[in-house]
Amino acid sequence: GLAPGGRLTCFEVDEQFAEVARRNIERAGLADRVTIRLGPAAEGIAELPQEPHLDLVYIDADKTGYPAYYEALVPRMRPGGVIALDNMLLRGRVLDPQDDRAKAIASLNERIAADERVDSVMLGLSDGLTLARKRT
């Protein structure tokens, strides 16, 4: 589904998972357009160009990092681009957040709902999937 000339960049902190992904990408014949970057996502995102150039971002990483990832990515999204954030319900723990993960996600849910830069919806699929579309 990647358009001609499109690129996919994945951030992975675990070297073994990154190697498995690289092997599978190579076998699929996609190594010319898919890059696996080893290291923390926050560092990788910081190295991305600042100007809007991203069309689709999928976030499924350390939950306490979600707010920082979201804030760093929204300005890099093209108008109409979508950020998909997984596990935004945390099995209901966001309703009465007691730990750092639940507090971070609950706070981010409120932030996204109030964010005038995006239109958003949370889908009740599995553990909650939020789609935030950058306004034009």
C-alpha atoms as a PDB file:
ATOM      1  CA  GLY A   1       0.000   0.000   0.000  1.00  0.00           C
ATOM      2  CA  LEU A   2       3.017   2.321   0.036  1.00  0.00           C
ATOM      3  CA  ALA A   3       2.863   4.753  -2.866  1.00  0.00           C
ATOM      4  CA  PRO A   4       5.715   4.781  -5.389  1.00  0.00           C
ATOM      5  CA  GLY A   5       8.570   6.763  -3.903  1.00  0.00           C
ATOM      6  CA  GLY A   6       7.127   6.345  -0.406  1.00  0.00           C
ATOM      7  CA  ARG A   7       9.302   5.501   2.586  1.00  0.00           C
ATOM      8  CA  LEU A   8       8.594   3.678   5.837  1.00  0.00           C
ATOM      9  CA  THR A   9      10.778   4.269   8.887  1.00  0.00           C
ATOM     10  CA  CYS A  10      10.394   2.120  12.001  1.00  0.00           C
ATOM     11  CA  PHE A  11      12.005   2.775  15.358  1.00  0.00           C
ATOM     12  CA  GLU A  12      12.922  -0.225  17.500  1.00  0.00           C
ATOM     13  CA  VAL A  13      14.824  -0.302  20.784  1.00  0.00           C
ATOM     14  CA  ASP A  14      15.417  -4.055  20.870  1.00  0.00           C
ATOM     15  CA  GLU A  15      18.291  -5.160  18.631  1.00  0.00           C
ATOM     16  CA  GLN A  16      16.922  -8.683  18.232  1.00  0.00           C
ATOM     17  CA  PHE A  17      13.494  -7.462  17.138  1.00  0.00           C
ATOM     18  CA  ALA A  18      15.130  -5.009  14.749  1.00  0.00           C
ATOM     19  CA  GLU A  19      17.189  -7.801  13.174  1.00  0.00           C
ATOM     20  CA  VAL A  20      14.135 -10.034  12.741  1.00  0.00           C
ATOM     21  CA  ALA A  21      12.298  -7.117  11.114  1.00  0.00           C
ATOM     22  CA  ARG A  22      15.219  -6.397   8.777  1.00  0.00           C
ATOM     23  CA  ARG A  23      15.372 -10.039   7.652  1.00  0.00           C
ATOM     24  CA  ASN A  24      11.641 -10.111   6.973  1.00  0.00           C
ATOM     25  CA  ILE A  25      11.749  -6.807   5.109  1.00  0.00           C
ATOM     26  CA  GLU A  26      14.621  -8.094   2.977  1.00  0.00           C
ATOM     27  CA  ARG A  27      12.736 -11.327   2.206  1.00  0.00           C
ATOM     28  CA  ALA A  28       9.677  -9.314   1.229  1.00  0.00           C
ATOM     29  CA  GLY A  29      11.765  -7.279  -1.225  1.00  0.00           C
ATOM     30  CA  LEU A  30      11.061  -4.017   0.596  1.00  0.00           C
ATOM     31  CA  ALA A  31      14.533  -3.083   1.821  1.00  0.00           C
ATOM     32  CA  ASP A  32      14.713  -0.247  -0.720  1.00  0.00           C
ATOM     33  CA  ARG A  33      11.831   1.590   0.973  1.00  0.00           C
ATOM     34  CA  VAL A  34      11.713   0.393   4.599  1.00  0.00           C
ATOM     35  CA  THR A  35      14.262   1.431   7.217  1.00  0.00           C
ATOM     36  CA  ILE A  36      14.544   0.022  10.731  1.00  0.00           C
ATOM     37  CA  ARG A  37      16.304   2.449  13.058  1.00  0.00           C
ATOM     38  CA  LEU A  38      17.697   1.018  16.261  1.00  0.00           C
ATOM     39  CA  GLY A  39      17.307   3.222  19.314  1.00  0.00           C
ATOM     40  CA  PRO A  40      14.720   5.148  21.300  1.00  0.00           C
ATOM     41  CA  ALA A  41      11.887   6.600  19.247  1.00  0.00           C
ATOM     42  CA  ALA A  42      12.253  10.037  20.850  1.00  0.00           C
ATOM     43  CA  GLU A  43      15.813  10.305  19.549  1.00  0.00           C
ATOM     44  CA  GLY A  44      14.814   9.083  16.097  1.00  0.00           C
ATOM     45  CA  ILE A  45      11.884  11.484  15.867  1.00  0.00           C
ATOM     46  CA  ALA A  46      14.135  14.376  16.895  1.00  0.00           C
ATOM     47  CA  GLU A  47      16.378  13.567  13.930  1.00  0.00           C
ATOM     48  CA  LEU A  48      13.509  13.747  11.428  1.00  0.00           C
ATOM     49  CA  PRO A  49      13.130  16.915   9.358  1.00  0.00           C
ATOM     50  CA  GLN A  50      11.117  19.597  11.155  1.00  0.00           C
ATOM     51  CA  GLU A  51       8.942  20.527   8.194  1.00  0.00           C
ATOM     52  CA  PRO A  52       5.649  18.715   7.558  1.00  0.00           C
ATOM     53  CA  HIS A  53       6.508  15.604   5.552  1.00  0.00           C
ATOM     54  CA  LEU A  54       4.778  12.669   7.241  1.00  0.00           C
ATOM     55  CA  ASP A  55       1.518  11.189   5.965  1.00  0.00           C
ATOM     56  CA  LEU A  56       0.934   8.372   8.438  1.00  0.00           C
ATOM     57  CA  VAL A  57       2.412   7.564  11.834  1.00  0.00           C
ATOM     58  CA  TYR A  58       1.582   4.561  14.001  1.00  0.00           C
ATOM     59  CA  ILE A  59       2.556   4.774  17.663  1.00  0.00           C
ATOM     60  CA  ASP A  60       2.745   1.596  19.727  1.00  0.00           C
ATOM     61  CA  ALA A  61       5.701   2.026  22.046  1.00  0.00           C
ATOM     62  CA  ASP A  62       6.412   2.824  25.671  1.00  0.00           C
ATOM     63  CA  LYS A  63       3.180   4.369  26.888  1.00  0.00           C
ATOM     64  CA  THR A  64       4.773   7.041  29.074  1.00  0.00           C
ATOM     65  CA  GLY A  65       6.539   8.322  25.948  1.00  0.00           C
ATOM     66  CA  TYR A  66       3.325   8.777  23.947  1.00  0.00           C
ATOM     67  CA  PRO A  67       2.773  12.444  24.919  1.00  0.00           C
ATOM     68  CA  ALA A  68       6.283  13.440  23.810  1.00  0.00           C
ATOM     69  CA  TYR A  69       5.992  11.432  20.581  1.00  0.00           C
ATOM     70  CA  TYR A  70       2.649  13.019  19.780  1.00  0.00           C
ATOM     71  CA  GLU A  71       3.880  16.567  20.395  1.00  0.00           C
ATOM     72  CA  ALA A  72       7.027  15.983  18.327  1.00  0.00           C
ATOM     73  CA  LEU A  73       5.116  14.417  15.447  1.00  0.00           C
ATOM     74  CA  VAL A  74       2.105  16.704  14.971  1.00  0.00           C
ATOM     75  CA  PRO A  75       4.217  19.567  13.526  1.00  0.00           C
ATOM     76  CA  ARG A  76       5.894  17.071  11.157  1.00  0.00           C
ATOM     77  CA  MET A  77       2.570  15.835   9.763  1.00  0.00           C
ATOM     78  CA  ARG A  78       1.344  17.036   6.395  1.00  0.00           C
ATOM     79  CA  PRO A  79      -2.172  18.491   6.342  1.00  0.00           C
ATOM     80  CA  GLY A  80      -4.499  15.507   6.192  1.00  0.00           C
ATOM     81  CA  GLY A  81      -1.849  13.200   7.671  1.00  0.00           C
ATOM     82  CA  VAL A  82      -2.916  10.766  10.373  1.00  0.00           C
ATOM     83  CA  ILE A  83      -1.333   9.703  13.641  1.00  0.00           C
ATOM     84  CA  ALA A  84      -2.688   6.367  14.912  1.00  0.00           C
ATOM     85  CA  LEU A  85      -2.063   5.708  18.603  1.00  0.00           C
ATOM     86  CA  ASP A  86      -2.612   2.181  19.909  1.00  0.00           C
ATOM     87  CA  ASN A  87      -3.680   1.062  23.396  1.00  0.00           C
ATOM     88  CA  MET A  88      -5.363   4.331  24.315  1.00  0.00           C
ATOM     89  CA  LEU A  89      -7.787   2.637  26.716  1.00  0.00           C
ATOM     90  CA  LEU A  90      -5.219   0.541  28.590  1.00  0.00           C
ATOM     91  CA  ARG A  91      -7.893  -2.027  29.428  1.00  0.00           C
ATOM     92  CA  GLY A  92      -9.962   0.685  31.053  1.00  0.00           C
ATOM     93  CA  ARG A  93      -7.199   1.889  33.375  1.00  0.00           C
ATOM     94  CA  VAL A  94      -7.396   5.384  31.835  1.00  0.00           C
ATOM     95  CA  LEU A  95     -10.757   5.859  33.578  1.00  0.00           C
ATOM     96  CA  ASP A  96      -9.093   5.812  37.004  1.00  0.00           C
ATOM     97  CA  PRO A  97      -5.372   6.180  36.278  1.00  0.00           C
ATOM     98  CA  GLN A  98      -3.230   4.926  39.138  1.00  0.00           C
ATOM     99  CA  ASP A  99       0.161   4.290  37.514  1.00  0.00           C
ATOM    100  CA  ASP A 100       2.447   6.395  35.313  1.00  0.00           C
ATOM    101  CA  ARG A 101       1.392   4.619  32.115  1.00  0.00           C
ATOM    102  CA  ALA A 102      -2.321   5.138  32.709  1.00  0.00           C
ATOM    103  CA  LYS A 103      -1.806   8.749  33.822  1.00  0.00           C
ATOM    104  CA  ALA A 104       0.228   9.541  30.690  1.00  0.00           C
ATOM    105  CA  ILE A 105      -2.340   8.013  28.346  1.00  0.00           C
ATOM    106  CA  ALA A 106      -5.351   9.529  30.158  1.00  0.00           C
ATOM    107  CA  SER A 107      -3.741  12.959  29.995  1.00  0.00           C
ATOM    108  CA  LEU A 108      -2.878  12.503  26.330  1.00  0.00           C
ATOM    109  CA  ASN A 109      -6.459  11.449  25.535  1.00  0.00           C
ATOM    110  CA  GLU A 110      -7.646  14.763  26.970  1.00  0.00           C
ATOM    111  CA  ARG A 111      -4.903  16.689  25.159  1.00  0.00           C
ATOM    112  CA  ILE A 112      -5.743  15.168  21.781  1.00  0.00           C
ATOM    113  CA  ALA A 113      -9.483  15.781  22.237  1.00  0.00           C
ATOM    114  CA  ALA A 114      -8.756  19.485  22.901  1.00  0.00           C
ATOM    115  CA  ASP A 115      -6.018  19.879  20.276  1.00  0.00           C
ATOM    116  CA  GLU A 116      -7.164  22.359  17.635  1.00  0.00           C
ATOM    117  CA  ARG A 117      -4.420  21.197  15.259  1.00  0.00           C
ATOM    118  CA  VAL A 118      -6.176  17.867  14.692  1.00  0.00           C
ATOM    119  CA  ASP A 119      -9.541  16.198  14.257  1.00  0.00           C
ATOM    120  CA  SER A 120      -9.614  13.007  16.288  1.00  0.00           C
ATOM    121  CA  VAL A 121     -11.619   9.931  17.073  1.00  0.00           C
ATOM    122  CA  MET A 122     -11.024   7.043  19.433  1.00  0.00           C
ATOM    123  CA  LEU A 123     -12.139   3.688  18.134  1.00  0.00           C
ATOM    124  CA  GLY A 124     -13.189   1.112  20.704  1.00  0.00           C
ATOM    125  CA  LEU A 125     -11.311  -1.622  18.871  1.00  0.00           C
ATOM    126  CA  SER A 126      -9.506  -4.002  21.200  1.00  0.00           C
ATOM    127  CA  ASP A 127      -7.616  -1.720  23.612  1.00  0.00           C
ATOM    128  CA  GLY A 128      -8.535   1.575  21.953  1.00  0.00           C
ATOM    129  CA  LEU A 129      -7.109   3.161  18.823  1.00  0.00           C
ATOM    130  CA  THR A 130      -7.023   6.936  18.463  1.00  0.00           C
ATOM    131  CA  LEU A 131      -6.789   8.515  15.031  1.00  0.00           C
ATOM    132  CA  ALA A 132      -5.675  12.137  14.940  1.00  0.00           C
ATOM    133  CA  ARG A 133      -5.857  13.794  11.501  1.00  0.00           C
ATOM    134  CA  LYS A 134      -3.894  17.006  11.034  1.00  0.00           C
ATOM    135  CA  ARG A 135      -6.143  19.823   9.963  1.00  0.00           C
ATOM    136  CA  THR A 136      -5.465  21.667   6.748  1.00  0.00           C
END
